[in-house]
């Protein structure tokens, strides 16, 4: 069954009592990340259920893994400083290995 993209949810569910959280998702990148964690850390990350098609999965993970991390807001000066550093690095790469005059 094909689902519209707006129907392809990711749901994170936990309560204050338990130390684990449930993650239900259709998101391909998140499914792959959870599968890798389940292989590498089976004591922490466990596949509970997968849909027949494999497009939706349900995992249990430690609640402490759930974080909200907003992007850093840079000032105009910081942005300019980073742009200049990138230009300088790219210039050095472009000129690497060239004989000096």
PDB file of N, CA and C in Angstrom:
ATOM      1  N   UNK A   1       0.839  -1.178   0.000  1.00  0.00           N
ATOM      2  CA  UNK A   1       0.000   0.000   0.000  1.00  0.00           C
ATOM      3  C   UNK A   1       0.885   1.242   0.000  1.00  0.00           C
ATOM      4  N   UNK A   2       0.669   2.111  -0.951  1.00  0.00           N
ATOM      5  CA  UNK A   2       1.421   3.353  -1.017  1.00  0.00           C
ATOM      6  C   UNK A   2       0.774   4.393  -0.116  1.00  0.00           C
ATOM      7  N   UNK A   3       1.603   5.006   0.703  1.00  0.00           N
ATOM      8  CA  UNK A   3       1.116   6.045   1.603  1.00  0.00           C
ATOM      9  C   UNK A   3       1.614   7.393   1.099  1.00  0.00           C
ATOM     10  N   UNK A   4       0.800   8.411   1.285  1.00  0.00           N
ATOM     11  CA  UNK A   4       1.239   9.769   0.953  1.00  0.00           C
ATOM     12  C   UNK A   4       2.361  10.149   1.914  1.00  0.00           C
ATOM     13  N   UNK A   5       3.241  11.042   1.491  1.00  0.00           N
ATOM     14  CA  UNK A   5       4.384  11.417   2.335  1.00  0.00           C
ATOM     15  C   UNK A   5       3.937  11.997   3.675  1.00  0.00           C
ATOM     16  N   UNK A   6       2.826  12.732   3.690  1.00  0.00           N
ATOM     17  CA  UNK A   6       2.371  13.304   4.950  1.00  0.00           C
ATOM     18  C   UNK A   6       1.839  12.247   5.907  1.00  0.00           C
ATOM     19  N   UNK A   7       1.557  11.042   5.406  1.00  0.00           N
ATOM     20  CA  UNK A   7       1.123   9.936   6.254  1.00  0.00           C
ATOM     21  C   UNK A   7       2.306   9.129   6.806  1.00  0.00           C
ATOM     22  N   UNK A   8       3.486   9.338   6.278  1.00  0.00           N
ATOM     23  CA  UNK A   8       4.675   8.587   6.680  1.00  0.00           C
ATOM     24  C   UNK A   8       5.296   9.267   7.901  1.00  0.00           C
ATOM     25  N   UNK A   9       4.818   8.862   9.054  1.00  0.00           N
ATOM     26  CA  UNK A   9       5.141   9.532  10.301  1.00  0.00           C
ATOM     27  C   UNK A   9       6.382   8.974  10.983  1.00  0.00           C
ATOM     28  N   UNK A  10       6.904   9.772  11.883  1.00  0.00           N
ATOM     29  CA  UNK A  10       7.860   9.325  12.883  1.00  0.00           C
ATOM     30  C   UNK A  10       7.270   9.733  14.221  1.00  0.00           C
ATOM     31  N   UNK A  11       7.115   8.745  15.096  1.00  0.00           N
ATOM     32  CA  UNK A  11       6.514   8.996  16.402  1.00  0.00           C
ATOM     33  C   UNK A  11       7.496   8.532  17.479  1.00  0.00           C
ATOM     34  N   UNK A  12       7.830   9.429  18.390  1.00  0.00           N
ATOM     35  CA  UNK A  12       8.673   9.095  19.532  1.00  0.00           C
ATOM     36  C   UNK A  12       7.776   9.130  20.758  1.00  0.00           C
ATOM     37  N   UNK A  13       7.751   8.014  21.493  1.00  0.00           N
ATOM     38  CA  UNK A  13       6.817   7.881  22.595  1.00  0.00           C
ATOM     39  C   UNK A  13       7.562   7.408  23.842  1.00  0.00           C
ATOM     40  N   UNK A  14       7.393   8.142  24.950  1.00  0.00           N
ATOM     41  CA  UNK A  14       7.955   7.694  26.219  1.00  0.00           C
ATOM     42  C   UNK A  14       7.141   8.274  27.355  1.00  0.00           C
ATOM     43  N   UNK A  15       7.307   7.690  28.531  1.00  0.00           N
ATOM     44  CA  UNK A  15       6.643   8.212  29.716  1.00  0.00           C
ATOM     45  C   UNK A  15       7.688   8.494  30.790  1.00  0.00           C
ATOM     46  N   UNK A  16       7.277   9.083  31.869  1.00  0.00           N
ATOM     47  CA  UNK A  16       8.204   9.481  32.924  1.00  0.00           C
ATOM     48  C   UNK A  16       8.675   8.305  33.772  1.00  0.00           C
ATOM     49  N   UNK A  17       7.979   7.214  33.747  1.00  0.00           N
ATOM     50  CA  UNK A  17       8.313   6.060  34.590  1.00  0.00           C
ATOM     51  C   UNK A  17       9.428   5.205  34.003  1.00  0.00           C
ATOM     52  N   UNK A  18       9.328   4.897  32.723  1.00  0.00           N
ATOM     53  CA  UNK A  18      10.265   3.954  32.105  1.00  0.00           C
ATOM     54  C   UNK A  18      11.517   4.649  31.598  1.00  0.00           C
ATOM     55  N   UNK A  19      12.596   3.862  31.447  1.00  0.00           N
ATOM     56  CA  UNK A  19      13.864   4.408  30.976  1.00  0.00           C
ATOM     57  C   UNK A  19      14.033   4.266  29.468  1.00  0.00           C
ATOM     58  N   UNK A  20      13.044   3.680  28.806  1.00  0.00           N
ATOM     59  CA  UNK A  20      13.137   3.486  27.363  1.00  0.00           C
ATOM     60  C   UNK A  20      12.074   4.299  26.645  1.00  0.00           C
ATOM     61  N   UNK A  21      12.329   4.502  25.355  1.00  0.00           N
ATOM     62  CA  UNK A  21      11.394   5.217  24.489  1.00  0.00           C
ATOM     63  C   UNK A  21      11.130   4.343  23.271  1.00  0.00           C
ATOM     64  N   UNK A  22       9.968   4.492  22.699  1.00  0.00           N
ATOM     65  CA  UNK A  22       9.629   3.796  21.468  1.00  0.00           C
ATOM     66  C   UNK A  22       9.712   4.757  20.300  1.00  0.00           C
ATOM     67  N   UNK A  23      10.278   4.276  19.208  1.00  0.00           N
ATOM     68  CA  UNK A  23      10.336   5.080  17.984  1.00  0.00           C
ATOM     69  C   UNK A  23       9.689   4.279  16.875  1.00  0.00           C
ATOM     70  N   UNK A  24       8.636   4.840  16.290  1.00  0.00           N
ATOM     71  CA  UNK A  24       7.967   4.277  15.124  1.00  0.00           C
ATOM     72  C   UNK A  24       8.265   5.224  13.979  1.00  0.00           C
ATOM     73  N   UNK A  25       8.797   4.694  12.878  1.00  0.00           N
ATOM     74  CA  UNK A  25       9.150   5.597  11.788  1.00  0.00           C
ATOM     75  C   UNK A  25       9.043   4.949  10.418  1.00  0.00           C
ATOM     76  N   UNK A  26       8.794   5.795   9.444  1.00  0.00           N
ATOM     77  CA  UNK A  26       8.850   5.440   8.024  1.00  0.00           C
ATOM     78  C   UNK A  26      10.097   6.044   7.384  1.00  0.00           C
ATOM     79  N   UNK A  27      10.792   6.929   8.091  1.00  0.00           N
ATOM     80  CA  UNK A  27      11.928   7.665   7.551  1.00  0.00           C
ATOM     81  C   UNK A  27      13.090   6.721   7.249  1.00  0.00           C
ATOM     82  N   UNK A  28      13.521   6.698   5.988  1.00  0.00           N
ATOM     83  CA  UNK A  28      14.550   5.756   5.543  1.00  0.00           C
ATOM     84  C   UNK A  28      15.874   5.946   6.277  1.00  0.00           C
ATOM     85  N   UNK A  29      16.324   7.178   6.409  1.00  0.00           N
ATOM     86  CA  UNK A  29      17.606   7.450   7.070  1.00  0.00           C
ATOM     87  C   UNK A  29      17.545   7.023   8.540  1.00  0.00           C
ATOM     88  N   UNK A  30      16.454   7.331   9.208  1.00  0.00           N
ATOM     89  CA  UNK A  30      16.308   6.952  10.608  1.00  0.00           C
ATOM     90  C   UNK A  30      16.203   5.437  10.752  1.00  0.00           C
ATOM     91  N   UNK A  31      15.502   4.776   9.834  1.00  0.00           N
ATOM     92  CA  UNK A  31      15.427   3.301   9.863  1.00  0.00           C
ATOM     93  C   UNK A  31      16.818   2.689   9.758  1.00  0.00           C
ATOM     94  N   UNK A  32      17.634   3.220   8.846  1.00  0.00           N
ATOM     95  CA  UNK A  32      18.996   2.700   8.662  1.00  0.00           C
ATOM     96  C   UNK A  32      19.849   2.952   9.902  1.00  0.00           C
ATOM     97  N   UNK A  33      19.713   4.124  10.486  1.00  0.00           N
ATOM     98  CA  UNK A  33      20.478   4.459  11.686  1.00  0.00           C
ATOM     99  C   UNK A  33      20.089   3.550  12.847  1.00  0.00           C
ATOM    100  N   UNK A  34      18.796   3.326  13.024  1.00  0.00           N
ATOM    101  CA  UNK A  34      18.330   2.447  14.096  1.00  0.00           C
ATOM    102  C   UNK A  34      18.773   1.004  13.869  1.00  0.00           C
ATOM    103  N   UNK A  35      18.741   0.553  12.621  1.00  0.00           N
ATOM    104  CA  UNK A  35      19.191  -0.815  12.315  1.00  0.00           C
ATOM    105  C   UNK A  35      20.670  -0.978  12.655  1.00  0.00           C
ATOM    106  N   UNK A  36      21.485   0.018  12.331  1.00  0.00           N
ATOM    107  CA  UNK A  36      22.912  -0.040  12.648  1.00  0.00           C
ATOM    108  C   UNK A  36      23.128  -0.043  14.157  1.00  0.00           C
ATOM    109  N   UNK A  37      22.374   0.773  14.871  1.00  0.00           N
ATOM    110  CA  UNK A  37      22.489   0.787  16.332  1.00  0.00           C
ATOM    111  C   UNK A  37      22.063  -0.554  16.931  1.00  0.00           C
ATOM    112  N   UNK A  38      21.028  -1.157  16.376  1.00  0.00           N
ATOM    113  CA  UNK A  38      20.574  -2.460  16.877  1.00  0.00           C
ATOM    114  C   UNK A  38      21.637  -3.535  16.652  1.00  0.00           C
ATOM    115  N   UNK A  39      22.372  -3.445  15.541  1.00  0.00           N
ATOM    116  CA  UNK A  39      23.464  -4.398  15.286  1.00  0.00           C
ATOM    117  C   UNK A  39      24.637  -4.159  16.235  1.00  0.00           C
ATOM    118  N   UNK A  40      24.993  -2.870  16.409  1.00  0.00           N
ATOM    119  CA  UNK A  40      26.167  -2.524  17.205  1.00  0.00           C
ATOM    120  C   UNK A  40      25.927  -2.558  18.711  1.00  0.00           C
ATOM    121  N   UNK A  41      24.711  -2.235  19.102  1.00  0.00           N
ATOM    122  CA  UNK A  41      24.391  -2.134  20.536  1.00  0.00           C
ATOM    123  C   UNK A  41      23.054  -2.800  20.841  1.00  0.00           C
ATOM    124  N   UNK A  42      22.973  -4.115  20.643  1.00  0.00           N
ATOM    125  CA  UNK A  42      21.700  -4.811  20.818  1.00  0.00           C
ATOM    126  C   UNK A  42      21.138  -4.734  22.243  1.00  0.00           C
ATOM    127  N   UNK A  43      22.008  -4.481  23.225  1.00  0.00           N
ATOM    128  CA  UNK A  43      21.522  -4.358  24.603  1.00  0.00           C
ATOM    129  C   UNK A  43      20.777  -3.040  24.817  1.00  0.00           C
ATOM    130  N   UNK A  44      21.020  -2.051  23.952  1.00  0.00           N
ATOM    131  CA  UNK A  44      20.383  -0.740  24.086  1.00  0.00           C
ATOM    132  C   UNK A  44      19.271  -0.492  23.068  1.00  0.00           C
ATOM    133  N   UNK A  45      19.450  -0.959  21.862  1.00  0.00           N
ATOM    134  CA  UNK A  45      18.522  -0.670  20.769  1.00  0.00           C
ATOM    135  C   UNK A  45      17.964  -1.981  20.236  1.00  0.00           C
ATOM    136  N   UNK A  46      16.639  -2.090  20.247  1.00  0.00           N
ATOM    137  CA  UNK A  46      16.017  -3.357  19.869  1.00  0.00           C
ATOM    138  C   UNK A  46      14.856  -3.127  18.907  1.00  0.00           C
ATOM    139  N   UNK A  47      14.858  -3.893  17.816  1.00  0.00           N
ATOM    140  CA  UNK A  47      13.739  -3.867  16.874  1.00  0.00           C
ATOM    141  C   UNK A  47      12.567  -4.595  17.508  1.00  0.00           C
ATOM    142  N   UNK A  48      11.447  -3.908  17.618  1.00  0.00           N
ATOM    143  CA  UNK A  48      10.243  -4.496  18.207  1.00  0.00           C
ATOM    144  C   UNK A  48       9.375  -5.093  17.111  1.00  0.00           C
ATOM    145  N   UNK A  49       9.233  -4.337  16.011  1.00  0.00           N
ATOM    146  CA  UNK A  49       8.339  -4.778  14.947  1.00  0.00           C
ATOM    147  C   UNK A  49       8.695  -4.062  13.657  1.00  0.00           C
ATOM    148  N   UNK A  50       8.548  -4.760  12.551  1.00  0.00           N
ATOM    149  CA  UNK A  50       8.714  -4.163  11.227  1.00  0.00           C
ATOM    150  C   UNK A  50       7.480  -4.507  10.404  1.00  0.00           C
ATOM    151  N   UNK A  51       7.078  -3.583   9.561  1.00  0.00           N
ATOM    152  CA  UNK A  51       5.934  -3.857   8.694  1.00  0.00           C
ATOM    153  C   UNK A  51       6.330  -4.914   7.671  1.00  0.00           C
ATOM    154  N   UNK A  52       5.370  -5.522   7.042  1.00  0.00           N
ATOM    155  CA  UNK A  52       5.673  -6.556   6.035  1.00  0.00           C
ATOM    156  C   UNK A  52       6.546  -6.014   4.921  1.00  0.00           C
ATOM    157  N   UNK A  53       6.297  -4.773   4.539  1.00  0.00           N
ATOM    158  CA  UNK A  53       7.084  -4.163   3.465  1.00  0.00           C
ATOM    159  C   UNK A  53       8.450  -3.688   3.958  1.00  0.00           C
ATOM    160  N   UNK A  54       8.593  -3.548   5.271  1.00  0.00           N
ATOM    161  CA  UNK A  54       9.840  -3.048   5.830  1.00  0.00           C
ATOM    162  C   UNK A  54       9.949  -1.543   5.790  1.00  0.00           C
ATOM    163  N   UNK A  55       8.910  -0.875   5.354  1.00  0.00           N
ATOM    164  CA  UNK A  55       8.947   0.592   5.247  1.00  0.00           C
ATOM    165  C   UNK A  55       8.627   1.293   6.552  1.00  0.00           C
ATOM    166  N   UNK A  56       8.098   0.552   7.517  1.00  0.00           N
ATOM    167  CA  UNK A  56       7.825   1.117   8.837  1.00  0.00           C
ATOM    168  C   UNK A  56       8.431   0.178   9.872  1.00  0.00           C
ATOM    169  N   UNK A  57       9.076   0.768  10.864  1.00  0.00           N
ATOM    170  CA  UNK A  57       9.700  -0.020  11.922  1.00  0.00           C
ATOM    171  C   UNK A  57       9.370   0.594  13.277  1.00  0.00           C
ATOM    172  N   UNK A  58       9.485  -0.246  14.290  1.00  0.00           N
ATOM    173  CA  UNK A  58       9.251   0.174  15.658  1.00  0.00           C
ATOM    174  C   UNK A  58      10.426  -0.321  16.491  1.00  0.00           C
ATOM    175  N   UNK A  59      11.172   0.596  17.103  1.00  0.00           N
ATOM    176  CA  UNK A  59      12.347   0.263  17.905  1.00  0.00           C
ATOM    177  C   UNK A  59      12.161   0.761  19.334  1.00  0.00           C
ATOM    178  N   UNK A  60      12.887   0.138  20.254  1.00  0.00           N
ATOM    179  CA  UNK A  60      12.988   0.617  21.625  1.00  0.00           C
ATOM    180  C   UNK A  60      14.426   1.041  21.856  1.00  0.00           C
ATOM    181  N   UNK A  61      14.596   2.253  22.394  1.00  0.00           N
ATOM    182  CA  UNK A  61      15.931   2.789  22.678  1.00  0.00           C
ATOM    183  C   UNK A  61      15.924   3.412  24.078  1.00  0.00           C
ATOM    184  N   UNK A  62      17.102   3.666  24.640  1.00  0.00           N
ATOM    185  CA  UNK A  62      17.140   4.384  25.920  1.00  0.00           C
ATOM    186  C   UNK A  62      16.598   5.811  25.754  1.00  0.00           C
ATOM    187  N   UNK A  63      15.804   6.212  26.686  1.00  0.00           N
ATOM    188  CA  UNK A  63      15.217   7.549  26.635  1.00  0.00           C
ATOM    189  C   UNK A  63      16.297   8.632  26.655  1.00  0.00           C
ATOM    190  N   UNK A  64      17.427   8.340  27.259  1.00  0.00           N
ATOM    191  CA  UNK A  64      18.516   9.329  27.346  1.00  0.00           C
ATOM    192  C   UNK A  64      19.116   9.656  25.983  1.00  0.00           C
ATOM    193  N   UNK A  65      18.850   8.836  24.965  1.00  0.00           N
ATOM    194  CA  UNK A  65      19.360   9.096  23.611  1.00  0.00           C
ATOM    195  C   UNK A  65      18.572  10.181  22.901  1.00  0.00           C
ATOM    196  N   UNK A  66      17.427  10.523  23.400  1.00  0.00           N
ATOM    197  CA  UNK A  66      16.573  11.506  22.720  1.00  0.00           C
ATOM    198  C   UNK A  66      17.017  12.903  23.133  1.00  0.00           C
ATOM    199  N   UNK A  67      17.384  13.688  22.145  1.00  0.00           N
ATOM    200  CA  UNK A  67      17.883  15.038  22.385  1.00  0.00           C
ATOM    201  C   UNK A  67      17.224  16.005  21.394  1.00  0.00           C
ATOM    202  N   UNK A  68      17.061  17.237  21.820  1.00  0.00           N
ATOM    203  CA  UNK A  68      16.641  18.301  20.919  1.00  0.00           C
ATOM    204  C   UNK A  68      17.802  19.278  20.857  1.00  0.00           C
ATOM    205  N   UNK A  69      18.413  19.378  19.683  1.00  0.00           N
ATOM    206  CA  UNK A  69      19.605  20.198  19.520  1.00  0.00           C
ATOM    207  C   UNK A  69      19.370  21.170  18.362  1.00  0.00           C
ATOM    208  N   UNK A  70      19.031  22.416  18.689  1.00  0.00           N
ATOM    209  CA  UNK A  70      18.802  23.386  17.609  1.00  0.00           C
ATOM    210  C   UNK A  70      20.120  23.773  16.941  1.00  0.00           C
ATOM    211  N   UNK A  71      20.020  24.190  15.695  1.00  0.00           N
ATOM    212  CA  UNK A  71      21.198  24.671  14.978  1.00  0.00           C
ATOM    213  C   UNK A  71      21.739  25.914  15.663  1.00  0.00           C
ATOM    214  N   UNK A  72      23.050  26.074  15.605  1.00  0.00           N
ATOM    215  CA  UNK A  72      23.693  27.238  16.185  1.00  0.00           C
ATOM    216  C   UNK A  72      23.400  28.453  15.307  1.00  0.00           C
ATOM    217  N   UNK A  73      23.117  29.577  15.941  1.00  0.00           N
ATOM    218  CA  UNK A  73      22.886  30.828  15.222  1.00  0.00           C
ATOM    219  C   UNK A  73      24.201  31.598  15.216  1.00  0.00           C
ATOM    220  N   UNK A  74      24.747  31.834  14.009  1.00  0.00           N
ATOM    221  CA  UNK A  74      26.015  32.536  13.866  1.00  0.00           C
ATOM    222  C   UNK A  74      25.778  34.011  13.589  1.00  0.00           C
ATOM    223  N   UNK A  75      26.652  34.837  14.139  1.00  0.00           N
ATOM    224  CA  UNK A  75      26.580  36.273  13.834  1.00  0.00           C
ATOM    225  C   UNK A  75      27.133  36.478  12.422  1.00  0.00           C
ATOM    226  N   UNK A  76      26.892  37.645  11.856  1.00  0.00           N
ATOM    227  CA  UNK A  76      27.421  37.953  10.528  1.00  0.00           C
ATOM    228  C   UNK A  76      28.944  37.885  10.516  1.00  0.00           C
ATOM    229  N   UNK A  77      29.573  38.320  11.601  1.00  0.00           N
ATOM    230  CA  UNK A  77      31.036  38.283  11.690  1.00  0.00           C
ATOM    231  C   UNK A  77      31.538  36.831  11.680  1.00  0.00           C
ATOM    232  N   UNK A  78      30.850  35.950  12.413  1.00  0.00           N
ATOM    233  CA  UNK A  78      31.246  34.536  12.438  1.00  0.00           C
ATOM    234  C   UNK A  78      31.067  33.884  11.064  1.00  0.00           C
ATOM    235  N   UNK A  79      29.972  34.236  10.400  1.00  0.00           N
ATOM    236  CA  UNK A  79      29.744  33.694   9.059  1.00  0.00           C
ATOM    237  C   UNK A  79      30.853  34.129   8.108  1.00  0.00           C
ATOM    238  N   UNK A  80      31.228  35.398   8.161  1.00  0.00           N
ATOM    239  CA  UNK A  80      32.281  35.926   7.296  1.00  0.00           C
ATOM    240  C   UNK A  80      33.616  35.251   7.621  1.00  0.00           C
ATOM    241  N   UNK A  81      33.895  35.075   8.898  1.00  0.00           N
ATOM    242  CA  UNK A  81      35.133  34.428   9.318  1.00  0.00           C
ATOM    243  C   UNK A  81      35.203  32.993   8.778  1.00  0.00           C
ATOM    244  N   UNK A  82      34.100  32.264   8.841  1.00  0.00           N
ATOM    245  CA  UNK A  82      34.069  30.896   8.319  1.00  0.00           C
ATOM    246  C   UNK A  82      34.218  30.867   6.798  1.00  0.00           C
ATOM    247  N   UNK A  83      33.558  31.800   6.105  1.00  0.00           N
ATOM    248  CA  UNK A  83      33.700  31.874   4.646  1.00  0.00           C
ATOM    249  C   UNK A  83      35.151  32.109   4.254  1.00  0.00           C
ATOM    250  N   UNK A  84      35.799  33.037   4.944  1.00  0.00           N
ATOM    251  CA  UNK A  84      37.206  33.340   4.651  1.00  0.00           C
ATOM    252  C   UNK A  84      38.104  32.145   4.931  1.00  0.00           C
ATOM    253  N   UNK A  85      37.838  31.416   6.001  1.00  0.00           N
ATOM    254  CA  UNK A  85      38.640  30.234   6.322  1.00  0.00           C
ATOM    255  C   UNK A  85      38.482  29.170   5.245  1.00  0.00           C
ATOM    256  N   UNK A  86      37.259  29.003   4.739  1.00  0.00           N
ATOM    257  CA  UNK A  86      37.013  28.022   3.672  1.00  0.00           C
ATOM    258  C   UNK A  86      37.725  28.451   2.388  1.00  0.00           C
ATOM    259  N   UNK A  87      37.639  29.735   2.051  1.00  0.00           N
ATOM    260  CA  UNK A  87      38.332  30.240   0.856  1.00  0.00           C
ATOM    261  C   UNK A  87      39.834  30.010   0.964  1.00  0.00           C
ATOM    262  N   UNK A  88      40.384  30.297   2.142  1.00  0.00           N
ATOM    263  CA  UNK A  88      41.823  30.130   2.364  1.00  0.00           C
ATOM    264  C   UNK A  88      42.217  28.656   2.228  1.00  0.00           C
ATOM    265  N   UNK A  89      41.411  27.759   2.798  1.00  0.00           N
ATOM    266  CA  UNK A  89      41.690  26.322   2.717  1.00  0.00           C
ATOM    267  C   UNK A  89      41.590  25.838   1.272  1.00  0.00           C
ATOM    268  N   UNK A  90      40.568  26.294   0.552  1.00  0.00           N
ATOM    269  CA  UNK A  90      40.408  25.900  -0.853  1.00  0.00           C
ATOM    270  C   UNK A  90      41.560  26.427  -1.709  1.00  0.00           C
ATOM    271  N   UNK A  91      42.003  27.648  -1.429  1.00  0.00           N
ATOM    272  CA  UNK A  91      43.130  28.220  -2.168  1.00  0.00           C
ATOM    273  C   UNK A  91      44.386  27.382  -1.922  1.00  0.00           C
ATOM    274  N   UNK A  92      44.601  26.990  -0.678  1.00  0.00           N
ATOM    275  CA  UNK A  92      45.770  26.178  -0.343  1.00  0.00           C
ATOM    276  C   UNK A  92      45.703  24.824  -1.053  1.00  0.00           C
ATOM    277  N   UNK A  93      44.515  24.225  -1.125  1.00  0.00           N
ATOM    278  CA  UNK A  93      44.355  22.944  -1.827  1.00  0.00           C
ATOM    279  C   UNK A  93      44.585  23.100  -3.323  1.00  0.00           C
ATOM    280  N   UNK A  94      44.068  24.180  -3.896  1.00  0.00           N
ATOM    281  CA  UNK A  94      44.230  24.430  -5.330  1.00  0.00           C
ATOM    282  C   UNK A  94      45.701  24.611  -5.701  1.00  0.00           C
ATOM    283  N   UNK A  95      46.463  25.194  -4.801  1.00  0.00           N
ATOM    284  CA  UNK A  95      47.864  25.494  -5.081  1.00  0.00           C
ATOM    285  C   UNK A  95      48.832  24.439  -4.536  1.00  0.00           C
ATOM    286  N   UNK A  96      48.314  23.420  -3.907  1.00  0.00           N
ATOM    287  CA  UNK A  96      49.178  22.362  -3.365  1.00  0.00           C
ATOM    288  C   UNK A  96      49.853  21.613  -4.504  1.00  0.00           C
ATOM    289  N   UNK A  97      51.126  21.392  -4.353  1.00  0.00           N
ATOM    290  CA  UNK A  97      51.872  20.632  -5.363  1.00  0.00           C
ATOM    291  C   UNK A  97      52.344  21.454  -6.532  1.00  0.00           C
ATOM    292  N   UNK A  98      51.936  22.710  -6.632  1.00  0.00           N
ATOM    293  CA  UNK A  98      52.416  23.571  -7.714  1.00  0.00           C
ATOM    294  C   UNK A  98      53.779  24.118  -7.362  1.00  0.00           C
ATOM    295  N   UNK A  99      54.671  24.193  -8.320  1.00  0.00           N
ATOM    296  CA  UNK A  99      56.001  24.746  -8.014  1.00  0.00           C
ATOM    297  C   UNK A  99      55.897  26.225  -7.655  1.00  0.00           C
ATOM    298  N   UNK A 100      56.688  26.633  -6.713  1.00  0.00           N
ATOM    299  CA  UNK A 100      56.741  28.034  -6.296  1.00  0.00           C
ATOM    300  C   UNK A 100      57.564  28.838  -7.287  1.00  0.00           C
ATOM    301  N   UNK A 101      57.126  30.029  -7.619  1.00  0.00           N
ATOM    302  CA  UNK A 101      57.878  30.911  -8.541  1.00  0.00           C
ATOM    303  C   UNK A 101      58.927  31.689  -7.817  1.00  0.00           C
TER     304      UNK A 101
END
